Structure formats: C-alpha cells, structure tokens
Amino acid sequence: MSISMIGIDHNMAPVDIRAKFAFTKKNAGEAMEKIKNENGIYGCVILSTCNRLEVWASVDDEEEEVCLYDCLCRIKGITEDSYRQYFVERKDQEAVEHLFYLTSGLKSQIIGEDQILTQVKDALNLARENFAADGVLEVLFRMAATAGKRIKTEVPFSHGNPSVIHQAIGFLAEKGYSLRDKTCMVIGNGEMGKVAAQALQEAGADVTVTIRQYRSGVVNIPLGCKRINYGDRMEYVPQCDLVVSATASPNFTLREELFQGIRTKDDLILIDLAVPRDIEPSVGKIQGVTLYDMDSFRIEEVPAELQENLEAAGAIVREQMDEFFQWLDGRDLIPRIQDIKDEAVNDLNLRIAKILKKTPMEEDDRQNLVHAVDTAAGKVVNKLIFGLRDSLNQEIFLECVAGLEKIYEE
C-alpha cells in the first residue's frame, strides 16, 4: 500500500482556476465515496479550503496505477486536460511530509495561521462520516493534527492571530488606510465570516453581519457586532466604507447588476474571501470601487523574525513524522513477522515431534502439550523480534527481518 495525493493551491493557480475544483461540504462527502469505490483505492480524504484543494488516497500497489486527477475531473465534469498543469502530485514520503508541514501552518498563504489545522481535522471527520477514510489515512491525518496542535501551543508565532483578513487589514494599513470608525459589513456568518467580523471590530470598525432569514434558531455573531438580513445587504451598501464577503455559496453574493441605481461612497473597498468567488469580478470596475480577492494578499518572503519559530516548528514536524513512519513500517511488517513466527514454530514442532511421540502420555494430553509449546514458542519469537525493533535503528531492523525470512526460504 502507498499514499498518494494531488493538489492545487494559491501558489500554483489563480482563484478562478481553484474555484473550478472547489467542493462544498456535501459535495466533498459524495466525491470521497466515489473515489474510494475506484479499483485499487482503500481510502480517500478531500481537503477543500479557500486556498487549496487536495485529494488524498491510500492505494493498492498491486493494482494498475490510479490517476487521481482523472478521478477528480470525472466528478467535476471537466474534460479539458489543460488544468493538469496547475496540479502537483506527491507520493509516500513526499506526500506525508507535505501534509505535516501544511497542517502545522507552514505552507499557508500566511505563515503560521492555524485555521488550516481545523480544516484538516474537519476533512478527516467528513471522511469518517462518509466511511471514506481507511486506517492509514486515519492515522496519518490524526498524527498531522497532533503536530499542528503541538506547534500551536509550543511555538507561538510572533505576528499574533494570522488569517487572511488580518493580512488584508495589515495590507490596507500599509497603504495608510485605517479602519478606525469605518462602517463595515460582513456577508456570511460561517467560520471565516466570524473571524473577519471579529478582526474588523478589533481594528476599530463599526461592523454589521448578514444573517440568512431562513435559518432557524439563534444565530451567534461576534459580540458587539450588529446584524441585518442577507436580503437587505444592498440597502446597507451605500453606508459602508468596506464590505467583506466570506460565504460558501456557489453563487455571487454581490453582482454588478445589483449596484445599478445605488450610490456608494467614493472609495468603497470590497474584499472577497471566498472560493469560488463571492463577488462578481466586474464589480471591481465600477467607479469608486476597489475589489480585492484571496490572491491580493500574499507574503512574498518569510520575515526574519519568524525564522527561529519556523525552525522550532520544523523540529516538531520531523519528530511527529518519524513517529508516523515507525507506525507505518511496523504495520507493514506485521504480516512478515507473523510468517517468520509461524515458520519458527513449525521448525520447532518438526524437531521435537519424535520426542513427543516417544513420551508416554494420553493423546489428548500430547495435543495439549503441542499447543502449549506452539503458543510459548510464538511468544518467544515475538519478544525477540520486537525487542530488536526497539533496540535497533529502522534500517538495521529491516535488514534483520529480511535475514530471518531468508532462513526459511525454500
């Protein structure tokens, strides 16, 4: 068995290309089930966020090689092969290393952000709900999450609470734009919408959040924020200095036609934090409107003050990765060790068979004795082999296992 993944992210493709392969929660669950049903695939996990789409699978090495890109395109109804250039494929060691660094926030658009940790855990939970994750992917994603949690608690990054909205606020501040006393609206009350509303409020803005009318029960919004119905958003736009849209809707929340007959402030700022896009790109061409999307806020290089923290985080990642590979190697070795044990027990039986036959006792007692000897011999062999595993490095231990297998080769 091997681990395989394909992925597309903000470093490889613009937001419009990423949007073609994005999944909602419901669609991701259905897609995982379909991919797992492909020949040669034992398990599947799909990670779909604003910045990336990744398809993970544990595959049978004996089967004809599975192309995850082709599986993804079939599910999405995409026939063009031109998008293949935006994807990267990783396998085994390279794939595992990527997931651990990713979950730790070290491959995010904003270095050290911890939203990806929640997203990775949510992806695994969704795979569980749809019975798509097998044992290998289950352990892989759990151990990657453990590394991320350790880094979050042991290596606090110096630039505070990193997220795309915080990066956007910093970006605007560098241009001399202050949010103090500005009127802001956040469209969307999901995780990202709440983070955006909280960040804008902390920056000194007057924040209003849209709420869908059809939602039942009490809808929580950040303390201190106001609320309006989603359907009233365009009536509120003329009062706004800045509007953030961060929903999971497959449709535009702000379209160019909705601005007809509406007089906005001369320097209205719109920030689209959704993938697929929430705001129709042509809205950015309206006089007095400035539109930013997910790709507008990039870190071109790692600040020098983060380097020490990155090194500490990298050490944790490598430690957790070693633990995973020890588990994986041990898992693959168990059938081989079982075969060695069976051969050794059989060897012992052949050597003592004549002695047992000559020993005066009832046949039932003889069979019970043979069974007891088999059990004891198996325990001794296991103790010896696993004792070697615990005292030798992995490479030498694997050589020992191979040597023991050769003893009983015919």
Protein backbone atom coordinates (compact mmCIF):
# COMPACT_ATOMS: atom_id res chain seq x y z
CA MET A 1 0.00 0.00 0.00
CA SER A 2 1.13 3.55 -0.72
CA ILE A 3 -0.10 7.07 -0.02
CA SER A 4 -0.89 9.36 -2.94
CA MET A 5 -2.27 12.88 -3.29
CA ILE A 6 -2.87 15.59 -5.87
CA GLY A 7 -3.31 19.23 -5.03
CA ILE A 8 -3.83 22.72 -6.34
CA ASP A 9 -3.25 25.83 -4.23
CA HIS A 10 -2.73 29.59 -4.23
CA ASN A 11 0.91 29.20 -5.26
CA MET A 12 0.07 27.23 -8.41
CA ALA A 13 -3.21 28.63 -9.69
CA PRO A 14 -5.26 31.85 -9.54
CA VAL A 15 -8.53 31.91 -7.67
CA ASP A 16 -10.68 31.37 -10.79
CA ILE A 17 -8.87 28.11 -11.61
CA ARG A 18 -9.07 26.91 -8.00
CA ALA A 19 -12.78 27.66 -7.97
CA LYS A 20 -13.40 25.07 -10.72
CA PHE A 21 -12.19 22.31 -8.40
CA ALA A 22 -13.59 23.56 -5.08
CA PHE A 23 -16.09 21.47 -3.11
CA THR A 24 -18.86 22.26 -0.69
CA LYS A 25 -19.04 20.02 2.38
CA LYS A 26 -21.86 17.96 0.89
CA ASN A 27 -20.18 17.57 -2.50
CA ALA A 28 -16.86 16.64 -0.89
CA GLY A 29 -18.53 13.80 1.00
CA GLU A 30 -20.12 12.43 -2.15
CA ALA A 31 -16.84 12.74 -4.06
CA MET A 32 -14.88 10.85 -1.42
CA GLU A 33 -17.31 7.96 -1.61
CA LYS A 34 -16.97 7.81 -5.41
CA ILE A 35 -13.18 7.91 -5.32
CA LYS A 36 -12.97 5.21 -2.65
CA ASN A 37 -15.07 2.95 -4.88
CA GLU A 38 -12.42 3.16 -7.63
CA ASN A 39 -10.42 -0.04 -8.13
CA GLY A 40 -7.20 -0.05 -6.15
CA ILE A 41 -8.21 2.67 -3.65
CA TYR A 42 -8.63 1.75 0.02
CA GLY A 43 -9.43 5.19 1.44
CA CYS A 44 -9.90 8.84 0.45
CA VAL A 45 -9.88 12.24 2.16
CA ILE A 46 -10.63 15.54 0.39
CA LEU A 47 -9.32 18.80 1.81
CA SER A 48 -11.09 21.78 0.21
CA THR A 49 -10.38 25.30 1.52
CA CYS A 50 -10.26 28.82 0.13
CA ASN A 51 -6.59 28.44 -0.76
CA ARG A 52 -6.31 24.81 -1.84
CA LEU A 53 -7.93 21.59 -2.98
CA GLU A 54 -6.25 18.28 -2.18
CA VAL A 55 -7.35 14.71 -2.85
CA TRP A 56 -5.68 12.05 -0.67
CA ALA A 57 -5.85 8.31 -1.21
CA SER A 58 -4.31 5.12 0.08
CA VAL A 59 -3.80 2.87 -2.92
CA ASP A 60 -3.03 -0.77 -3.66
CA ASP A 61 0.44 -1.14 -5.16
CA GLU A 62 -0.62 -4.33 -6.94
CA GLU A 63 -3.41 -2.64 -8.91
CA GLU A 64 -2.95 -0.64 -12.08
CA GLU A 65 -1.88 2.88 -11.13
CA VAL A 66 -4.83 5.11 -10.23
CA CYS A 67 -4.88 8.66 -11.62
CA LEU A 68 -6.47 10.90 -9.01
CA TYR A 69 -6.54 13.83 -11.40
CA ASP A 70 -8.72 11.85 -13.83
CA CYS A 71 -11.00 10.80 -10.95
CA LEU A 72 -11.37 14.43 -9.88
CA CYS A 73 -12.13 15.63 -13.41
CA ARG A 74 -14.79 12.96 -13.89
CA ILE A 75 -16.50 14.03 -10.68
CA LYS A 76 -16.32 17.70 -11.67
CA GLY A 77 -17.42 17.06 -15.25
CA ILE A 78 -14.21 18.62 -16.58
CA THR A 79 -12.98 17.28 -19.92
CA GLU A 80 -10.15 19.74 -20.60
CA ASP A 81 -6.68 18.43 -19.85
CA SER A 82 -5.15 21.92 -19.72
CA TYR A 83 -5.80 22.22 -15.98
CA ARG A 84 -3.41 19.37 -15.20
CA GLN A 85 -0.51 21.84 -15.28
CA TYR A 86 -1.84 23.54 -12.13
CA PHE A 87 -1.76 20.36 -10.06
CA VAL A 88 1.09 18.77 -8.17
CA GLU A 89 1.23 15.05 -7.38
CA ARG A 90 3.00 13.67 -4.31
CA LYS A 91 3.50 10.13 -3.08
CA ASP A 92 4.57 8.38 0.11
CA GLN A 93 7.41 10.25 1.91
CA GLU A 94 6.91 13.47 -0.05
CA ALA A 95 3.14 13.38 0.46
CA VAL A 96 3.38 12.71 4.19
CA GLU A 97 5.92 15.48 4.67
CA HIS A 98 3.67 17.91 2.80
CA LEU A 99 0.64 17.13 4.99
CA PHE A 100 2.56 17.54 8.24
CA TYR A 101 4.02 20.90 7.20
CA LEU A 102 0.66 22.01 5.81
CA THR A 103 -1.30 21.13 8.96
CA SER A 104 1.28 22.98 11.02
CA GLY A 105 0.56 26.19 9.12
CA LEU A 106 3.99 26.25 7.49
CA LYS A 107 2.68 26.08 3.91
CA SER A 108 -0.21 28.50 4.27
CA GLN A 109 -0.60 31.76 2.41
CA ILE A 110 0.01 33.35 5.79
CA ILE A 111 2.81 31.52 7.62
CA GLY A 112 1.75 30.06 10.95
CA GLU A 113 -2.02 30.51 10.56
CA ASP A 114 -3.95 27.91 12.50
CA GLN A 115 -7.20 27.76 10.52
CA ILE A 116 -5.69 25.02 8.36
CA LEU A 117 -5.42 22.79 11.46
CA THR A 118 -9.19 22.97 11.94
CA GLN A 119 -9.74 22.43 8.21
CA VAL A 120 -7.58 19.27 8.17
CA LYS A 121 -9.43 17.84 11.18
CA ASP A 122 -12.78 18.71 9.58
CA ALA A 123 -11.70 16.96 6.36
CA LEU A 124 -10.92 13.77 8.30
CA ASN A 125 -14.21 13.97 10.21
CA LEU A 126 -16.11 14.35 6.94
CA ALA A 127 -14.29 11.32 5.51
CA ARG A 128 -15.28 9.34 8.60
CA GLU A 129 -18.92 10.38 8.24
CA ASN A 130 -18.90 9.10 4.67
CA PHE A 131 -16.92 5.93 5.55
CA ALA A 132 -14.18 7.01 3.15
CA ALA A 133 -11.08 7.08 5.38
CA ASP A 134 -9.17 3.84 5.90
CA GLY A 135 -6.80 3.05 8.75
CA VAL A 136 -3.69 4.52 7.11
CA LEU A 137 -5.25 7.87 6.24
CA GLU A 138 -6.94 7.96 9.66
CA VAL A 139 -3.61 7.68 11.48
CA LEU A 140 -1.81 9.97 9.02
CA PHE A 141 -4.28 12.84 9.42
CA ARG A 142 -4.54 12.38 13.20
CA MET A 143 -0.76 12.49 13.64
CA ALA A 144 -0.50 15.54 11.35
CA ALA A 145 -3.13 17.27 13.50
CA THR A 146 -1.14 16.35 16.61
CA ALA A 147 1.93 18.05 15.13
CA GLY A 148 -0.15 21.13 14.34
CA LYS A 149 -1.55 21.30 17.88
CA ARG A 150 1.92 20.95 19.39
CA ILE A 151 3.22 23.80 17.26
CA LYS A 152 0.22 25.95 18.14
CA THR A 153 0.92 25.55 21.87
CA GLU A 154 4.71 25.27 21.93
CA VAL A 155 5.74 27.68 19.17
CA PRO A 156 3.67 30.89 19.32
CA PHE A 157 4.33 32.85 16.16
CA SER A 158 5.21 36.48 16.79
CA HIS A 159 2.72 38.11 14.46
CA GLY A 160 -0.36 37.27 16.53
CA ASN A 161 -3.55 35.77 15.10
CA PRO A 162 -2.80 35.10 11.44
CA SER A 163 -5.60 34.78 8.93
CA VAL A 164 -6.34 36.20 5.52
CA ILE A 165 -8.48 39.01 6.96
CA HIS A 166 -5.69 40.01 9.33
CA GLN A 167 -3.32 40.04 6.37
CA ALA A 168 -5.82 42.19 4.46
CA ILE A 169 -6.10 44.63 7.35
CA GLY A 170 -2.31 44.87 7.53
CA PHE A 171 -2.14 45.34 3.77
CA LEU A 172 -4.59 48.27 3.96
CA ALA A 173 -2.75 49.76 6.93
CA GLU A 174 0.49 49.79 4.94
CA LYS A 175 -1.36 51.85 2.33
CA GLY A 176 -2.39 54.33 5.04
CA TYR A 177 -5.99 53.09 5.34
CA SER A 178 -7.30 52.97 8.92
CA LEU A 179 -10.41 51.04 9.89
CA ARG A 180 -10.99 53.16 12.96
CA ASP A 181 -14.66 54.27 12.98
CA LYS A 182 -15.23 52.89 9.49
CA THR A 183 -18.60 51.30 8.66
CA CYS A 184 -18.10 47.70 7.59
CA MET A 185 -20.39 44.87 6.55
CA VAL A 186 -19.50 41.18 6.58
CA ILE A 187 -21.56 38.96 4.28
CA GLY A 188 -21.50 35.45 5.69
CA ASN A 189 -21.69 34.09 9.22
CA GLY A 190 -19.60 30.95 8.83
CA GLU A 191 -16.19 30.42 10.43
CA MET A 192 -14.37 32.80 8.11
CA GLY A 193 -17.14 35.41 8.32
CA LYS A 194 -17.00 35.41 12.10
CA VAL A 195 -13.20 35.71 12.09
CA ALA A 196 -13.48 38.63 9.65
CA ALA A 197 -16.12 40.40 11.74
CA GLN A 198 -14.09 39.98 14.91
CA ALA A 199 -10.90 41.23 13.25
CA LEU A 200 -12.59 44.30 11.78
CA GLN A 201 -14.16 45.14 15.13
CA GLU A 202 -10.82 44.78 16.91
CA ALA A 203 -9.38 47.21 14.36
CA GLY A 204 -11.92 49.80 15.50
CA ALA A 205 -14.61 49.42 12.83
CA ASP A 206 -18.40 49.50 13.24
CA VAL A 207 -19.32 46.00 11.97
CA THR A 208 -22.63 44.60 10.73
CA VAL A 209 -23.04 40.91 9.81
CA THR A 210 -25.64 39.50 7.41
CA ILE A 211 -27.90 36.67 8.58
CA ARG A 212 -29.98 34.43 6.34
CA GLN A 213 -33.70 34.69 7.14
CA TYR A 214 -34.40 31.02 6.54
CA ARG A 215 -32.04 29.87 9.27
CA SER A 216 -33.87 28.67 12.35
CA GLY A 217 -32.80 29.19 15.94
CA VAL A 218 -30.43 31.73 17.40
CA VAL A 219 -27.53 32.69 15.12
CA ASN A 220 -24.43 33.74 17.00
CA ILE A 221 -22.32 36.63 15.76
CA PRO A 222 -19.25 38.20 17.39
CA LEU A 223 -20.09 40.25 20.48
CA GLY A 224 -20.56 43.92 19.66
CA CYS A 225 -21.47 43.40 16.00
CA LYS A 226 -24.85 44.33 14.53
CA ARG A 227 -26.94 42.11 12.26
CA ILE A 228 -29.14 42.56 9.21
CA ASN A 229 -30.96 40.16 6.94
CA TYR A 230 -28.94 38.96 3.97
CA GLY A 231 -31.67 40.22 1.65
CA ASP A 232 -31.14 43.78 2.92
CA ARG A 233 -27.43 43.86 2.15
CA MET A 234 -27.67 46.13 -0.92
CA GLU A 235 -29.71 48.69 1.02
CA TYR A 236 -26.86 48.86 3.53
CA VAL A 237 -24.00 49.04 0.99
CA PRO A 238 -24.27 52.86 0.47
CA GLN A 239 -23.44 53.36 4.16
CA CYS A 240 -20.36 51.13 4.02
CA ASP A 241 -16.71 52.04 3.74
CA LEU A 242 -15.71 48.38 3.43
CA VAL A 243 -17.55 45.13 2.68
CA VAL A 244 -16.16 41.64 3.23
CA SER A 245 -17.87 38.61 1.66
CA ALA A 246 -16.96 35.18 3.00
CA THR A 247 -19.63 32.58 2.29
CA ALA A 248 -19.72 29.02 0.99
CA SER A 249 -22.35 29.95 -1.59
CA PRO A 250 -21.86 28.68 -5.16
CA ASN A 251 -23.43 31.94 -6.40
CA PHE A 252 -22.25 35.55 -6.30
CA THR A 253 -23.37 37.45 -3.21
CA LEU A 254 -22.57 40.77 -4.95
CA ARG A 255 -23.22 41.13 -8.68
CA GLU A 256 -22.63 44.12 -10.91
CA GLU A 257 -26.34 44.46 -11.74
CA LEU A 258 -27.19 44.84 -8.04
CA PHE A 259 -25.19 48.09 -7.94
CA GLN A 260 -27.31 49.75 -10.62
CA GLY A 261 -29.08 52.75 -9.16
CA ILE A 262 -27.08 52.56 -5.92
CA ARG A 263 -24.82 55.42 -4.94
CA THR A 264 -21.86 54.10 -2.96
CA LYS A 265 -19.14 56.02 -1.19
CA ASP A 266 -16.40 57.23 -3.49
CA ASP A 267 -13.77 54.88 -2.03
CA LEU A 268 -15.73 51.70 -1.27
CA ILE A 269 -13.46 48.71 -0.59
CA LEU A 270 -14.72 45.18 -1.28
CA ILE A 271 -12.82 42.12 -0.05
CA ASP A 272 -13.75 38.69 -1.44
CA LEU A 273 -12.54 35.90 0.84
CA ALA A 274 -14.44 33.07 -0.85
CA VAL A 275 -13.51 30.31 -3.28
CA PRO A 276 -15.43 30.11 -5.56
CA ARG A 277 -15.71 33.88 -5.69
CA ASP A 278 -18.49 35.66 -3.82
CA ILE A 279 -18.16 38.96 -5.68
CA GLU A 280 -18.52 39.20 -9.45
CA PRO A 281 -15.13 40.44 -10.79
CA SER A 282 -16.78 43.13 -12.95
CA VAL A 283 -17.92 44.86 -9.75
CA GLY A 284 -14.32 45.97 -9.33
CA LYS A 285 -14.67 48.09 -12.48
CA ILE A 286 -17.42 50.27 -11.00
CA GLN A 287 -16.29 53.84 -10.43
CA GLY A 288 -15.08 54.36 -6.87
CA VAL A 289 -14.97 50.64 -6.01
CA THR A 290 -11.75 48.76 -5.21
CA LEU A 291 -12.04 44.97 -5.19
CA TYR A 292 -9.56 42.60 -3.57
CA ASP A 293 -9.69 38.79 -3.66
CA MET A 294 -7.82 35.95 -1.94
CA ASP A 295 -4.82 36.37 -4.20
CA SER A 296 -4.38 40.05 -3.34
CA PHE A 297 -2.74 39.33 0.00
CA ARG A 298 0.44 37.33 -0.35
CA ILE A 299 3.57 37.01 1.73
CA GLU A 300 6.44 37.09 -0.73
CA GLU A 301 9.11 36.14 1.80
CA VAL A 302 9.33 34.95 5.39
CA PRO A 303 10.07 37.82 7.79
CA ALA A 304 13.42 37.41 9.54
CA GLU A 305 11.81 37.46 12.99
CA LEU A 306 9.83 34.31 12.10
CA GLN A 307 12.83 32.21 11.15
CA GLU A 308 13.61 30.98 14.67
CA ASN A 309 10.00 29.96 15.25
CA LEU A 310 9.91 28.19 11.89
CA GLU A 311 12.96 26.14 12.81
CA ALA A 312 11.38 25.11 16.12
CA ALA A 313 8.16 24.19 14.31
CA GLY A 314 10.12 22.17 11.75
CA ALA A 315 11.75 20.13 14.51
CA ILE A 316 8.33 19.19 15.89
CA VAL A 317 7.11 18.23 12.42
CA ARG A 318 10.09 15.96 11.83
CA GLU A 319 9.64 14.27 15.21
CA GLN A 320 5.96 13.57 14.56
CA MET A 321 6.71 12.36 11.03
CA ASP A 322 9.24 9.85 12.38
CA GLU A 323 6.58 8.52 14.74
CA PHE A 324 4.15 8.06 11.85
CA PHE A 325 6.64 6.20 9.68
CA GLN A 326 7.56 3.94 12.60
CA TRP A 327 3.88 3.07 12.90
CA LEU A 328 3.52 2.61 9.14
CA ASP A 329 6.62 0.45 8.82
CA GLY A 330 5.53 -1.64 11.80
CA ARG A 331 2.08 -2.06 10.27
CA ASP A 332 3.55 -3.34 7.01
CA LEU A 333 5.96 -5.61 8.87
CA ILE A 334 3.35 -7.37 10.99
CA PRO A 335 2.40 -9.93 8.27
CA ARG A 336 6.09 -10.63 7.64
CA ILE A 337 6.79 -11.09 11.34
CA GLN A 338 3.77 -13.38 11.60
CA ASP A 339 5.15 -15.54 8.78
CA ILE A 340 8.57 -15.73 10.48
CA LYS A 341 6.90 -16.75 13.75
CA ASP A 342 4.83 -19.46 12.02
CA GLU A 343 7.92 -20.85 10.29
CA ALA A 344 9.90 -20.89 13.56
CA VAL A 345 7.11 -22.64 15.46
CA ASN A 346 6.74 -25.22 12.69
CA ASP A 347 10.52 -25.75 12.73
CA LEU A 348 10.39 -26.39 16.48
CA ASN A 349 7.49 -28.84 16.07
CA LEU A 350 9.40 -30.86 13.49
CA ARG A 351 12.45 -31.02 15.79
CA ILE A 352 10.56 -32.24 18.86
CA ALA A 353 7.96 -34.40 17.07
CA LYS A 354 9.89 -37.67 17.60
CA ILE A 355 10.50 -36.87 21.27
CA LEU A 356 6.81 -36.17 21.85
CA LYS A 357 5.77 -39.39 20.11
CA LYS A 358 8.03 -41.43 22.40
CA THR A 359 6.83 -39.67 25.52
CA PRO A 360 4.23 -41.81 27.31
CA MET A 361 1.00 -39.86 27.71
CA GLU A 362 -2.57 -39.78 26.53
CA GLU A 363 -3.13 -38.45 23.00
CA ASP A 364 -5.26 -35.56 24.28
CA ASP A 365 -2.51 -34.59 26.68
CA ARG A 366 0.02 -34.80 23.86
CA GLN A 367 -2.05 -32.46 21.69
CA ASN A 368 -2.48 -30.04 24.59
CA LEU A 369 1.26 -30.05 25.14
CA VAL A 370 1.95 -29.39 21.46
CA HIS A 371 -0.49 -26.47 21.57
CA ALA A 372 1.17 -25.07 24.73
CA VAL A 373 4.63 -25.38 23.14
CA ASP A 374 3.41 -23.63 19.98
CA THR A 375 1.98 -20.75 22.00
CA ALA A 376 5.13 -20.36 24.12
CA ALA A 377 7.42 -20.56 21.09
CA GLY A 378 5.37 -17.91 19.28
CA LYS A 379 5.63 -15.56 22.25
CA VAL A 380 9.40 -16.06 22.46
CA VAL A 381 9.86 -15.31 18.74
CA ASN A 382 7.69 -12.18 19.01
CA LYS A 383 9.64 -10.99 22.03
CA LEU A 384 12.94 -11.46 20.22
CA ILE A 385 11.85 -9.73 17.00
CA PHE A 386 10.07 -6.78 18.61
CA GLY A 387 12.94 -6.46 21.06
CA LEU A 388 15.24 -6.00 18.08
CA ARG A 389 12.88 -3.37 16.67
CA ASP A 390 13.04 -1.36 19.88
CA SER A 391 16.83 -1.53 20.19
CA LEU A 392 17.97 -1.09 16.57
CA ASN A 393 17.51 1.73 14.12
CA GLN A 394 14.88 1.15 11.46
CA GLU A 395 17.26 0.35 8.61
CA ILE A 396 19.19 -2.32 10.53
CA PHE A 397 15.97 -3.82 11.89
CA LEU A 398 14.57 -4.20 8.38
CA GLU A 399 17.78 -6.00 7.37
CA CYS A 400 17.34 -8.35 10.33
CA VAL A 401 13.77 -9.15 9.30
CA ALA A 402 14.91 -9.83 5.75
CA GLY A 403 17.66 -12.11 7.09
CA LEU A 404 15.21 -14.10 9.21
CA GLU A 405 12.93 -14.53 6.19
CA LYS A 406 15.83 -15.99 4.16
CA ILE A 407 16.41 -18.67 6.82
CA TYR A 408 13.11 -20.33 5.92
CA GLU A 409 13.18 -19.74 2.17
CA GLU A 410 12.80 -22.99 0.28
